[in-house]
PDB file of N, CA and C in Angstrom:
ATOM      1  N   MET A   1      -4.750  13.559  25.683  1.00  0.00           N
ATOM      2  CA  MET A   1      -3.888  14.373  25.558  1.00  0.00           C
ATOM      3  C   MET A   1      -3.256  14.111  23.938  1.00  0.00           C
ATOM      4  N   PHE A   2      -3.232  14.663  23.238  1.00  0.00           N
ATOM      5  CA  PHE A   2      -3.102  14.343  21.858  1.00  0.00           C
ATOM      6  C   PHE A   2      -1.836  14.007  21.547  1.00  0.00           C
ATOM      7  N   ASN A   3      -1.325  12.921  21.030  1.00  0.00           N
ATOM      8  CA  ASN A   3       0.055  12.322  20.928  1.00  0.00           C
ATOM      9  C   ASN A   3       0.069  13.044  19.237  1.00  0.00           C
ATOM     10  N   ILE A   4       1.355  13.762  19.133  1.00  0.00           N
ATOM     11  CA  ILE A   4       1.948  14.300  17.870  1.00  0.00           C
ATOM     12  C   ILE A   4       2.547  13.284  17.432  1.00  0.00           C
ATOM     13  N   PHE A   5       3.151  12.283  18.036  1.00  0.00           N
ATOM     14  CA  PHE A   5       4.280  11.741  17.275  1.00  0.00           C
ATOM     15  C   PHE A   5       3.128  10.103  16.907  1.00  0.00           C
ATOM     16  N   ARG A   6       1.688  10.245  17.372  1.00  0.00           N
ATOM     17  CA  ARG A   6       0.895   8.611  16.349  1.00  0.00           C
ATOM     18  C   ARG A   6       0.677   8.732  15.150  1.00  0.00           C
ATOM     19  N   LYS A   7       0.853   7.442  14.765  1.00  0.00           N
ATOM     20  CA  LYS A   7       1.033   7.230  13.640  1.00  0.00           C
ATOM     21  C   LYS A   7      -0.284   7.309  12.475  1.00  0.00           C
ATOM     22  N   LYS A   8      -0.095   7.865  11.865  1.00  0.00           N
ATOM     23  CA  LYS A   8      -1.572   8.335  11.083  1.00  0.00           C
ATOM     24  C   LYS A   8      -2.283   6.861   9.921  1.00  0.00           C
ATOM     25  N   TYR A   9      -1.686   5.875  10.115  1.00  0.00           N
ATOM     26  CA  TYR A   9      -1.864   5.114   9.338  1.00  0.00           C
ATOM     27  C   TYR A   9      -1.781   3.900   9.877  1.00  0.00           C
ATOM     28  N   GLU A  10      -2.568   2.381   9.585  1.00  0.00           N
ATOM     29  CA  GLU A  10      -2.315   1.288  10.203  1.00  0.00           C
ATOM     30  C   GLU A  10      -0.976   0.477   9.606  1.00  0.00           C
ATOM     31  N   THR A  11      -0.649  -0.442  10.472  1.00  0.00           N
ATOM     32  CA  THR A  11       0.037  -1.848   9.551  1.00  0.00           C
ATOM     33  C   THR A  11      -0.611  -3.104   9.862  1.00  0.00           C
ATOM     34  N   LYS A  12      -0.255  -4.000   8.913  1.00  0.00           N
ATOM     35  CA  LYS A  12      -0.696  -5.042   8.849  1.00  0.00           C
ATOM     36  C   LYS A  12       0.372  -6.042   8.408  1.00  0.00           C
ATOM     37  N   ASP A  13       0.424  -7.200   8.698  1.00  0.00           N
ATOM     38  CA  ASP A  13       0.824  -8.236   8.164  1.00  0.00           C
ATOM     39  C   ASP A  13       0.419  -8.103   6.838  1.00  0.00           C
ATOM     40  N   ILE A  14       1.789  -8.535   5.800  1.00  0.00           N
ATOM     41  CA  ILE A  14       1.188  -8.652   4.509  1.00  0.00           C
ATOM     42  C   ILE A  14       0.179  -9.907   4.195  1.00  0.00           C
ATOM     43  N   ASN A  15       0.645 -11.212   4.976  1.00  0.00           N
ATOM     44  CA  ASN A  15      -0.578 -12.325   4.379  1.00  0.00           C
ATOM     45  C   ASN A  15      -1.677 -12.074   5.066  1.00  0.00           C
ATOM     46  N   THR A  16      -2.047 -11.795   6.024  1.00  0.00           N
ATOM     47  CA  THR A  16      -2.997 -11.048   7.038  1.00  0.00           C
ATOM     48  C   THR A  16      -3.926 -10.360   6.004  1.00  0.00           C
ATOM     49  N   ALA A  17      -3.229  -9.228   5.603  1.00  0.00           N
ATOM     50  CA  ALA A  17      -4.047  -8.676   4.355  1.00  0.00           C
ATOM     51  C   ALA A  17      -4.389  -9.097   2.977  1.00  0.00           C
ATOM     52  N   GLY A  18      -3.273  -9.907   2.596  1.00  0.00           N
ATOM     53  CA  GLY A  18      -4.302 -10.947   1.570  1.00  0.00           C
ATOM     54  C   GLY A  18      -5.015 -11.704   2.037  1.00  0.00           C
ATOM     55  N   GLN A  19      -5.909 -12.138   3.254  1.00  0.00           N
ATOM     56  CA  GLN A  19      -6.824 -12.932   3.155  1.00  0.00           C
ATOM     57  C   GLN A  19      -8.121 -11.554   3.045  1.00  0.00           C
ATOM     58  N   GLU A  20      -7.772 -10.353   3.789  1.00  0.00           N
ATOM     59  CA  GLU A  20      -8.706  -9.278   3.727  1.00  0.00           C
ATOM     60  C   GLU A  20      -8.829  -9.030   2.287  1.00  0.00           C
ATOM     61  N   LEU A  21      -7.702  -8.844   1.750  1.00  0.00           N
ATOM     62  CA  LEU A  21      -8.375  -8.637  -0.159  1.00  0.00           C
ATOM     63  C   LEU A  21      -8.670  -9.930  -0.694  1.00  0.00           C
ATOM     64  N   ALA A  22      -8.745 -10.641  -0.172  1.00  0.00           N
ATOM     65  CA  ALA A  22      -9.551 -12.064  -0.696  1.00  0.00           C
ATOM     66  C   ALA A  22     -10.956 -11.778  -0.864  1.00  0.00           C
ATOM     67  N   GLU A  23     -11.259 -11.241   0.349  1.00  0.00           N
ATOM     68  CA  GLU A  23     -12.620 -11.152   1.082  1.00  0.00           C
ATOM     69  C   GLU A  23     -13.336  -9.872   0.336  1.00  0.00           C
ATOM     70  N   ASN A  24     -12.143  -8.566   0.221  1.00  0.00           N
ATOM     71  CA  ASN A  24     -12.529  -7.042  -0.210  1.00  0.00           C
ATOM     72  C   ASN A  24     -12.505  -6.588  -0.992  1.00  0.00           C
ATOM     73  N   PRO A  25     -12.538  -7.172  -2.676  1.00  0.00           N
ATOM     74  CA  PRO A  25     -11.696  -6.441  -3.619  1.00  0.00           C
ATOM     75  C   PRO A  25     -11.863  -4.895  -4.187  1.00  0.00           C
ATOM     76  N   ASN A  26     -12.893  -4.136  -3.314  1.00  0.00           N
ATOM     77  CA  ASN A  26     -12.302  -2.862  -3.280  1.00  0.00           C
ATOM     78  C   ASN A  26     -11.634  -2.053  -2.794  1.00  0.00           C
ATOM     79  N   ILE A  27     -10.975  -3.316  -1.603  1.00  0.00           N
ATOM     80  CA  ILE A  27      -9.193  -2.296  -1.010  1.00  0.00           C
ATOM     81  C   ILE A  27      -8.586  -2.271  -2.531  1.00  0.00           C
ATOM     82  N   LEU A  28      -7.627  -0.622  -2.411  1.00  0.00           N
ATOM     83  CA  LEU A  28      -7.066  -0.780  -3.490  1.00  0.00           C
ATOM     84  C   LEU A  28      -5.662  -0.959  -3.224  1.00  0.00           C
ATOM     85  N   LEU A  29      -4.504  -1.698  -3.562  1.00  0.00           N
ATOM     86  CA  LEU A  29      -3.748  -2.521  -3.140  1.00  0.00           C
ATOM     87  C   LEU A  29      -2.486  -1.488  -3.844  1.00  0.00           C
ATOM     88  N   LEU A  30      -1.620  -0.437  -3.128  1.00  0.00           N
ATOM     89  CA  LEU A  30      -0.939  -0.570  -4.023  1.00  0.00           C
ATOM     90  C   LEU A  30       0.901  -1.018  -4.109  1.00  0.00           C
ATOM     91  N   ASP A  31       1.493  -1.103  -5.229  1.00  0.00           N
ATOM     92  CA  ASP A  31       3.069  -1.623  -4.952  1.00  0.00           C
ATOM     93  C   ASP A  31       3.780  -0.309  -4.844  1.00  0.00           C
ATOM     94  N   VAL A  32       4.399   0.375  -3.963  1.00  0.00           N
ATOM     95  CA  VAL A  32       5.164   1.511  -4.542  1.00  0.00           C
ATOM     96  C   VAL A  32       6.447   0.827  -4.707  1.00  0.00           C
ATOM     97  N   ARG A  33       6.583  -0.315  -5.319  1.00  0.00           N
ATOM     98  CA  ARG A  33       8.158  -0.376  -5.739  1.00  0.00           C
ATOM     99  C   ARG A  33       8.449   0.430  -7.269  1.00  0.00           C
ATOM    100  N   THR A  34       9.210   0.123  -7.457  1.00  0.00           N
ATOM    101  CA  THR A  34       9.985   0.454  -8.804  1.00  0.00           C
ATOM    102  C   THR A  34       8.828   0.389 -10.129  1.00  0.00           C
ATOM    103  N   PRO A  35       8.839   0.605 -11.243  1.00  0.00           N
ATOM    104  CA  PRO A  35       8.084  -0.155 -12.166  1.00  0.00           C
ATOM    105  C   PRO A  35       8.737  -1.457 -12.676  1.00  0.00           C
ATOM    106  N   ALA A  36      10.170  -1.063 -12.772  1.00  0.00           N
ATOM    107  CA  ALA A  36      11.360  -2.393 -13.160  1.00  0.00           C
ATOM    108  C   ALA A  36      10.775  -3.489 -12.102  1.00  0.00           C
ATOM    109  N   GLU A  37      10.786  -3.164 -10.505  1.00  0.00           N
ATOM    110  CA  GLU A  37      10.162  -4.182  -9.486  1.00  0.00           C
ATOM    111  C   GLU A  37       8.963  -4.727  -9.996  1.00  0.00           C
ATOM    112  N   TYR A  38       8.547  -3.861  -9.843  1.00  0.00           N
ATOM    113  CA  TYR A  38       6.716  -4.499 -10.203  1.00  0.00           C
ATOM    114  C   TYR A  38       6.623  -5.281 -11.241  1.00  0.00           C
ATOM    115  N   ASN A  39       7.257  -5.194 -12.516  1.00  0.00           N
ATOM    116  CA  ASN A  39       7.305  -6.111 -13.567  1.00  0.00           C
ATOM    117  C   ASN A  39       7.685  -7.603 -13.240  1.00  0.00           C
ATOM    118  N   ALA A  40       8.702  -7.684 -12.404  1.00  0.00           N
ATOM    119  CA  ALA A  40       9.789  -8.602 -12.012  1.00  0.00           C
ATOM    120  C   ALA A  40       8.674  -9.995 -11.107  1.00  0.00           C
ATOM    121  N   GLY A  41       7.680  -8.656 -10.681  1.00  0.00           N
ATOM    122  CA  GLY A  41       6.822  -9.775  -9.650  1.00  0.00           C
ATOM    123  C   GLY A  41       6.006  -8.911  -8.687  1.00  0.00           C
ATOM    124  N   HIS A  42       4.618  -8.921  -8.693  1.00  0.00           N
ATOM    125  CA  HIS A  42       4.113  -8.369  -7.963  1.00  0.00           C
ATOM    126  C   HIS A  42       2.538  -8.941  -7.344  1.00  0.00           C
ATOM    127  N   LEU A  43       1.925  -8.376  -6.613  1.00  0.00           N
ATOM    128  CA  LEU A  43       0.730  -9.109  -5.594  1.00  0.00           C
ATOM    129  C   LEU A  43      -0.463  -9.236  -6.587  1.00  0.00           C
ATOM    130  N   PRO A  44      -1.203 -10.388  -6.706  1.00  0.00           N
ATOM    131  CA  PRO A  44      -2.266 -10.127  -8.078  1.00  0.00           C
ATOM    132  C   PRO A  44      -3.041  -9.124  -7.359  1.00  0.00           C
ATOM    133  N   GLY A  45      -3.382  -8.503  -8.281  1.00  0.00           N
ATOM    134  CA  GLY A  45      -4.439  -7.231  -8.463  1.00  0.00           C
ATOM    135  C   GLY A  45      -3.710  -5.648  -7.669  1.00  0.00           C
ATOM    136  N   SER A  46      -2.865  -5.813  -7.410  1.00  0.00           N
ATOM    137  CA  SER A  46      -2.079  -4.788  -7.171  1.00  0.00           C
ATOM    138  C   SER A  46      -1.712  -3.453  -8.337  1.00  0.00           C
ATOM    139  N   ILE A  47      -1.412  -2.005  -8.170  1.00  0.00           N
ATOM    140  CA  ILE A  47      -1.208  -1.283  -8.550  1.00  0.00           C
ATOM    141  C   ILE A  47      -0.542  -0.908  -8.839  1.00  0.00           C
ATOM    142  N   ASN A  48       0.693  -0.495  -9.560  1.00  0.00           N
ATOM    143  CA  ASN A  48       1.679   0.381  -9.339  1.00  0.00           C
ATOM    144  C   ASN A  48       2.046   1.592  -9.455  1.00  0.00           C
ATOM    145  N   LEU A  49       2.472   2.052  -8.505  1.00  0.00           N
ATOM    146  CA  LEU A  49       2.496   3.328  -7.503  1.00  0.00           C
ATOM    147  C   LEU A  49       3.518   4.110  -6.994  1.00  0.00           C
ATOM    148  N   PRO A  50       4.579   3.877  -8.162  1.00  0.00           N
ATOM    149  CA  PRO A  50       6.094   3.872  -7.224  1.00  0.00           C
ATOM    150  C   PRO A  50       5.960   5.393  -6.122  1.00  0.00           C
ATOM    151  N   LEU A  51       7.003   5.099  -5.242  1.00  0.00           N
ATOM    152  CA  LEU A  51       6.812   6.250  -3.854  1.00  0.00           C
ATOM    153  C   LEU A  51       6.933   7.335  -4.620  1.00  0.00           C
ATOM    154  N   ASP A  52       8.122   7.927  -5.858  1.00  0.00           N
ATOM    155  CA  ASP A  52       8.436   8.991  -6.011  1.00  0.00           C
ATOM    156  C   ASP A  52       6.875   9.532  -6.960  1.00  0.00           C
ATOM    157  N   ALA A  53       6.159   8.508  -7.004  1.00  0.00           N
ATOM    158  CA  ALA A  53       4.746   9.169  -7.654  1.00  0.00           C
ATOM    159  C   ALA A  53       3.305   9.591  -6.777  1.00  0.00           C
ATOM    160  N   ILE A  54       3.890   8.895  -5.132  1.00  0.00           N
ATOM    161  CA  ILE A  54       2.456   8.821  -4.653  1.00  0.00           C
ATOM    162  C   ILE A  54       1.396   9.596  -4.535  1.00  0.00           C
ATOM    163  N   GLU A  55       2.276  11.454  -4.625  1.00  0.00           N
ATOM    164  CA  GLU A  55       1.382  12.247  -4.580  1.00  0.00           C
ATOM    165  C   GLU A  55       0.700  12.794  -5.438  1.00  0.00           C
ATOM    166  N   GLY A  56       0.935  12.051  -6.850  1.00  0.00           N
ATOM    167  CA  GLY A  56       0.059  12.289  -7.557  1.00  0.00           C
ATOM    168  C   GLY A  56      -1.155  11.419  -7.791  1.00  0.00           C
ATOM    169  N   ILE A  57      -1.417  10.879  -6.524  1.00  0.00           N
ATOM    170  CA  ILE A  57      -2.901   9.484  -5.857  1.00  0.00           C
ATOM    171  C   ILE A  57      -4.142  10.599  -6.555  1.00  0.00           C
ATOM    172  N   ALA A  58      -4.220  11.545  -5.793  1.00  0.00           N
ATOM    173  CA  ALA A  58      -5.453  12.068  -6.186  1.00  0.00           C
ATOM    174  C   ALA A  58      -6.325  12.139  -7.411  1.00  0.00           C
ATOM    175  N   GLN A  59      -5.315  12.340  -8.698  1.00  0.00           N
ATOM    176  CA  GLN A  59      -5.760  12.326  -9.911  1.00  0.00           C
ATOM    177  C   GLN A  59      -6.430  11.308 -10.038  1.00  0.00           C
ATOM    178  N   LYS A  60      -5.563   9.735 -10.060  1.00  0.00           N
ATOM    179  CA  LYS A  60      -6.318   8.750 -10.137  1.00  0.00           C
ATOM    180  C   LYS A  60      -7.083   8.438  -9.096  1.00  0.00           C
ATOM    181  N   TYR A  61      -7.039   8.677  -7.695  1.00  0.00           N
ATOM    182  CA  TYR A  61      -7.996   8.186  -6.512  1.00  0.00           C
ATOM    183  C   TYR A  61      -8.399   8.943  -5.732  1.00  0.00           C
ATOM    184  N   PRO A  62      -9.320   9.651  -6.309  1.00  0.00           N
ATOM    185  CA  PRO A  62     -10.109  11.198  -5.322  1.00  0.00           C
ATOM    186  C   PRO A  62     -10.731  10.671  -4.004  1.00  0.00           C
ATOM    187  N   ASP A  63     -10.794   9.379  -4.028  1.00  0.00           N
ATOM    188  CA  ASP A  63     -12.034   9.017  -2.848  1.00  0.00           C
ATOM    189  C   ASP A  63     -11.060   8.779  -1.644  1.00  0.00           C
ATOM    190  N   ARG A  64     -10.908   9.918  -0.750  1.00  0.00           N
ATOM    191  CA  ARG A  64     -10.036  10.075   0.369  1.00  0.00           C
ATOM    192  C   ARG A  64     -10.323   8.850   1.463  1.00  0.00           C
ATOM    193  N   ASP A  65     -11.727   8.572   1.879  1.00  0.00           N
ATOM    194  CA  ASP A  65     -12.074   7.338   2.311  1.00  0.00           C
ATOM    195  C   ASP A  65     -11.912   6.012   2.170  1.00  0.00           C
ATOM    196  N   ARG A  66     -11.260   5.485   0.490  1.00  0.00           N
ATOM    197  CA  ARG A  66     -11.293   4.464  -0.102  1.00  0.00           C
ATOM    198  C   ARG A  66     -10.323   3.803   1.074  1.00  0.00           C
ATOM    199  N   ARG A  67     -10.137   2.198   1.262  1.00  0.00           N
ATOM    200  CA  ARG A  67      -9.709   1.773   2.189  1.00  0.00           C
ATOM    201  C   ARG A  67      -8.177   1.685   1.433  1.00  0.00           C
ATOM    202  N   ILE A  68      -6.940   1.829   1.761  1.00  0.00           N
ATOM    203  CA  ILE A  68      -5.706   0.989   0.438  1.00  0.00           C
ATOM    204  C   ILE A  68      -4.847   0.952   1.875  1.00  0.00           C
ATOM    205  N   PHE A  69      -4.413  -0.524   0.918  1.00  0.00           N
ATOM    206  CA  PHE A  69      -3.446  -1.116   1.674  1.00  0.00           C
ATOM    207  C   PHE A  69      -1.750  -0.576   0.300  1.00  0.00           C
ATOM    208  N   ALA A  70      -0.893  -1.026   1.193  1.00  0.00           N
ATOM    209  CA  ALA A  70       0.599  -0.298   0.742  1.00  0.00           C
ATOM    210  C   ALA A  70       1.594  -1.339   0.843  1.00  0.00           C
ATOM    211  N   TYR A  71       2.256  -1.609  -0.223  1.00  0.00           N
ATOM    212  CA  TYR A  71       3.297  -2.703   0.215  1.00  0.00           C
ATOM    213  C   TYR A  71       4.324  -2.357  -1.118  1.00  0.00           C
ATOM    214  N   CYS A  72       5.877  -2.990  -0.264  1.00  0.00           N
ATOM    215  CA  CYS A  72       6.739  -2.916  -1.177  1.00  0.00           C
ATOM    216  C   CYS A  72       7.852  -3.986  -1.079  1.00  0.00           C
ATOM    217  N   GLN A  73       9.223  -3.699  -1.078  1.00  0.00           N
ATOM    218  CA  GLN A  73       9.788  -4.744  -0.756  1.00  0.00           C
ATOM    219  C   GLN A  73      10.001  -5.259   0.658  1.00  0.00           C
ATOM    220  N   SER A  74      10.436  -4.205   1.390  1.00  0.00           N
ATOM    221  CA  SER A  74      10.945  -5.005   2.748  1.00  0.00           C
ATOM    222  C   SER A  74       9.764  -4.225   3.532  1.00  0.00           C
ATOM    223  N   GLY A  75       8.980  -3.024   3.288  1.00  0.00           N
ATOM    224  CA  GLY A  75       8.403  -2.211   4.275  1.00  0.00           C
ATOM    225  C   GLY A  75       8.629  -0.858   4.594  1.00  0.00           C
ATOM    226  N   ALA A  76       9.654  -0.785   4.253  1.00  0.00           N
ATOM    227  CA  ALA A  76      10.110   0.784   4.209  1.00  0.00           C
ATOM    228  C   ALA A  76       9.729   1.648   3.326  1.00  0.00           C
ATOM    229  N   ARG A  77       9.441   1.428   1.941  1.00  0.00           N
ATOM    230  CA  ARG A  77       9.096   2.931   1.193  1.00  0.00           C
ATOM    231  C   ARG A  77       7.747   2.516   1.670  1.00  0.00           C
ATOM    232  N   SER A  78       7.073   1.506   1.521  1.00  0.00           N
ATOM    233  CA  SER A  78       5.280   1.652   1.761  1.00  0.00           C
ATOM    234  C   SER A  78       5.164   2.113   3.079  1.00  0.00           C
ATOM    235  N   GLY A  79       5.585   2.111   3.970  1.00  0.00           N
ATOM    236  CA  GLY A  79       5.357   3.040   5.433  1.00  0.00           C
ATOM    237  C   GLY A  79       5.459   4.683   4.984  1.00  0.00           C
ATOM    238  N   ALA A  80       7.040   5.222   4.204  1.00  0.00           N
ATOM    239  CA  ALA A  80       6.636   6.248   3.778  1.00  0.00           C
ATOM    240  C   ALA A  80       5.520   6.666   2.892  1.00  0.00           C
ATOM    241  N   ALA A  81       5.321   6.209   2.146  1.00  0.00           N
ATOM    242  CA  ALA A  81       4.408   6.518   1.353  1.00  0.00           C
ATOM    243  C   ALA A  81       2.984   6.437   1.948  1.00  0.00           C
ATOM    244  N   CYS A  82       2.628   5.973   3.265  1.00  0.00           N
ATOM    245  CA  CYS A  82       1.458   5.967   4.168  1.00  0.00           C
ATOM    246  C   CYS A  82       1.528   6.888   5.030  1.00  0.00           C
ATOM    247  N   ASN A  83       2.783   7.532   5.385  1.00  0.00           N
ATOM    248  CA  ASN A  83       2.829   8.519   5.594  1.00  0.00           C
ATOM    249  C   ASN A  83       2.197  10.008   4.898  1.00  0.00           C
ATOM    250  N   ILE A  84       2.308   9.681   3.596  1.00  0.00           N
ATOM    251  CA  ILE A  84       2.453  10.865   2.493  1.00  0.00           C
ATOM    252  C   ILE A  84       0.880  10.746   2.210  1.00  0.00           C
ATOM    253  N   LEU A  85       0.178   9.345   2.224  1.00  0.00           N
ATOM    254  CA  LEU A  85      -1.186   9.148   1.862  1.00  0.00           C
ATOM    255  C   LEU A  85      -1.703   9.857   3.116  1.00  0.00           C
ATOM    256  N   ALA A  86      -1.106  10.200   3.900  1.00  0.00           N
ATOM    257  CA  ALA A  86      -1.871  10.434   5.379  1.00  0.00           C
ATOM    258  C   ALA A  86      -1.869  11.775   5.222  1.00  0.00           C
ATOM    259  N   LYS A  87      -0.929  12.399   5.096  1.00  0.00           N
ATOM    260  CA  LYS A  87      -0.521  13.782   4.977  1.00  0.00           C
ATOM    261  C   LYS A  87      -1.768  14.828   3.935  1.00  0.00           C
ATOM    262  N   LEU A  88      -1.966  13.177   2.749  1.00  0.00           N
ATOM    263  CA  LEU A  88      -2.654  14.246   1.626  1.00  0.00           C
ATOM    264  C   LEU A  88      -3.986  14.013   2.323  1.00  0.00           C
ATOM    265  N   ALA A  89      -4.453  13.509   3.357  1.00  0.00           N
ATOM    266  CA  ALA A  89      -5.757  13.396   3.753  1.00  0.00           C
ATOM    267  C   ALA A  89      -6.549  11.781   3.303  1.00  0.00           C
ATOM    268  N   TYR A  90      -5.538  11.096   3.263  1.00  0.00           N
ATOM    269  CA  TYR A  90      -6.620   9.831   3.082  1.00  0.00           C
ATOM    270  C   TYR A  90      -6.827   9.193   4.115  1.00  0.00           C
ATOM    271  N   THR A  91      -8.067   8.834   4.617  1.00  0.00           N
ATOM    272  CA  THR A  91      -8.447   8.496   6.406  1.00  0.00           C
ATOM    273  C   THR A  91      -8.396   6.738   6.515  1.00  0.00           C
ATOM    274  N   ASP A  92      -7.830   6.260   5.517  1.00  0.00           N
ATOM    275  CA  ASP A  92      -7.971   4.598   5.622  1.00  0.00           C
ATOM    276  C   ASP A  92      -6.874   4.005   5.125  1.00  0.00           C
ATOM    277  N   VAL A  93      -5.334   4.390   5.671  1.00  0.00           N
ATOM    278  CA  VAL A  93      -4.625   3.570   4.784  1.00  0.00           C
ATOM    279  C   VAL A  93      -3.759   2.299   5.981  1.00  0.00           C
ATOM    280  N   THR A  94      -2.926   1.603   5.575  1.00  0.00           N
ATOM    281  CA  THR A  94      -2.479   0.619   6.261  1.00  0.00           C
ATOM    282  C   THR A  94      -1.419  -0.105   5.002  1.00  0.00           C
ATOM    283  N   ASN A  95       0.036   0.217   6.004  1.00  0.00           N
ATOM    284  CA  ASN A  95       1.039  -0.792   5.294  1.00  0.00           C
ATOM    285  C   ASN A  95       0.840  -1.876   5.894  1.00  0.00           C
ATOM    286  N   ILE A  96       1.106  -2.812   4.883  1.00  0.00           N
ATOM    287  CA  ILE A  96       1.151  -4.382   4.802  1.00  0.00           C
ATOM    288  C   ILE A  96       2.667  -4.737   4.578  1.00  0.00           C
ATOM    289  N   GLY A  97       3.378  -3.937   5.255  1.00  0.00           N
ATOM    290  CA  GLY A  97       4.881  -4.270   4.670  1.00  0.00           C
ATOM    291  C   GLY A  97       5.341  -4.885   3.062  1.00  0.00           C
ATOM    292  N   GLY A  98       6.323  -5.666   3.276  1.00  0.00           N
ATOM    293  CA  GLY A  98       7.118  -5.820   2.104  1.00  0.00           C
ATOM    294  C   GLY A  98       6.785  -7.418   1.565  1.00  0.00           C
ATOM    295  N   ILE A  99       7.134  -7.560   0.040  1.00  0.00           N
ATOM    296  CA  ILE A  99       6.526  -8.644  -0.628  1.00  0.00           C
ATOM    297  C   ILE A  99       7.122  -9.661  -0.575  1.00  0.00           C
ATOM    298  N   MET A 100       8.364  -9.343   0.363  1.00  0.00           N
ATOM    299  CA  MET A 100       9.477 -10.569   0.868  1.00  0.00           C
ATOM    300  C   MET A 100       8.517 -11.640   1.610  1.00  0.00           C
ATOM    301  N   ALA A 101       8.036 -11.287   2.482  1.00  0.00           N
ATOM    302  CA  ALA A 101       7.152 -11.769   3.039  1.00  0.00           C
ATOM    303  C   ALA A 101       6.025 -12.643   2.816  1.00  0.00           C
ATOM    304  N   TRP A 102       5.765 -12.037   1.389  1.00  0.00           N
ATOM    305  CA  TRP A 102       4.331 -12.503   0.808  1.00  0.00           C
ATOM    306  C   TRP A 102       4.434 -13.995   0.410  1.00  0.00           C
ATOM    307  N   GLN A 103       3.344 -15.270   1.233  1.00  0.00           N
ATOM    308  CA  GLN A 103       3.394 -16.621   1.196  1.00  0.00           C
ATOM    309  C   GLN A 103       2.206 -16.696  -0.157  1.00  0.00           C
ATOM    310  N   GLY A 104       1.843 -16.318  -0.572  1.00  0.00           N
ATOM    311  CA  GLY A 104       0.740 -16.366  -1.584  1.00  0.00           C
ATOM    312  C   GLY A 104       1.123 -16.303  -3.004  1.00  0.00           C
ATOM    313  N   LYS A 105       0.767 -16.164  -4.304  1.00  0.00           N
ATOM    314  CA  LYS A 105       0.704 -16.082  -5.481  1.00  0.00           C
ATOM    315  C   LYS A 105       1.517 -14.677  -5.957  1.00  0.00           C
ATOM    316  N   ILE A 106       2.436 -14.694  -6.743  1.00  0.00           N
ATOM    317  CA  ILE A 106       2.860 -13.642  -7.231  1.00  0.00           C
ATOM    318  C   ILE A 106       2.958 -13.377  -8.835  1.00  0.00           C
ATOM    319  N   THR A 107       2.194 -12.742  -9.043  1.00  0.00           N
ATOM    320  CA  THR A 107       2.193 -12.550 -10.422  1.00  0.00           C
ATOM    321  C   THR A 107       3.261 -11.007 -11.647  1.00  0.00           C
ATOM    322  N   THR A 108       3.668 -11.868 -12.798  1.00  0.00           N
ATOM    323  CA  THR A 108       4.702 -11.259 -13.187  1.00  0.00           C
ATOM    324  C   THR A 108       4.018 -10.619 -14.443  1.00  0.00           C
ATOM    325  N   LYS A 109       4.643  -9.540 -15.309  1.00  0.00           N
ATOM    326  CA  LYS A 109       4.323  -9.046 -16.512  1.00  0.00           C
ATOM    327  C   LYS A 109       5.390  -9.373 -17.472  1.00  0.00           C
TER     328      LYS A 109
END
């Protein structure tokens, strides 16, 4: 039976995701917070694409099969971003939660 309530993206702990990111630099790491939040501190290698601009992702990243990890401050906005990405036909999307739980290095601008 088809479950219409099934999420169309995966979820993963941000620190577990960090290990995968270290092993696979081809994963697109999206920080969906505001530019001010991003500039105050973000995960190394992340790209800032705020939630309110997420629908424009196809212009810069048209490969809908590329593996994408999304995060925000607590995990709520990244969940919303993952829902949008799934609706835009991105096939390998993972919500890794919030930077508040991150135990690794933070980069600032």
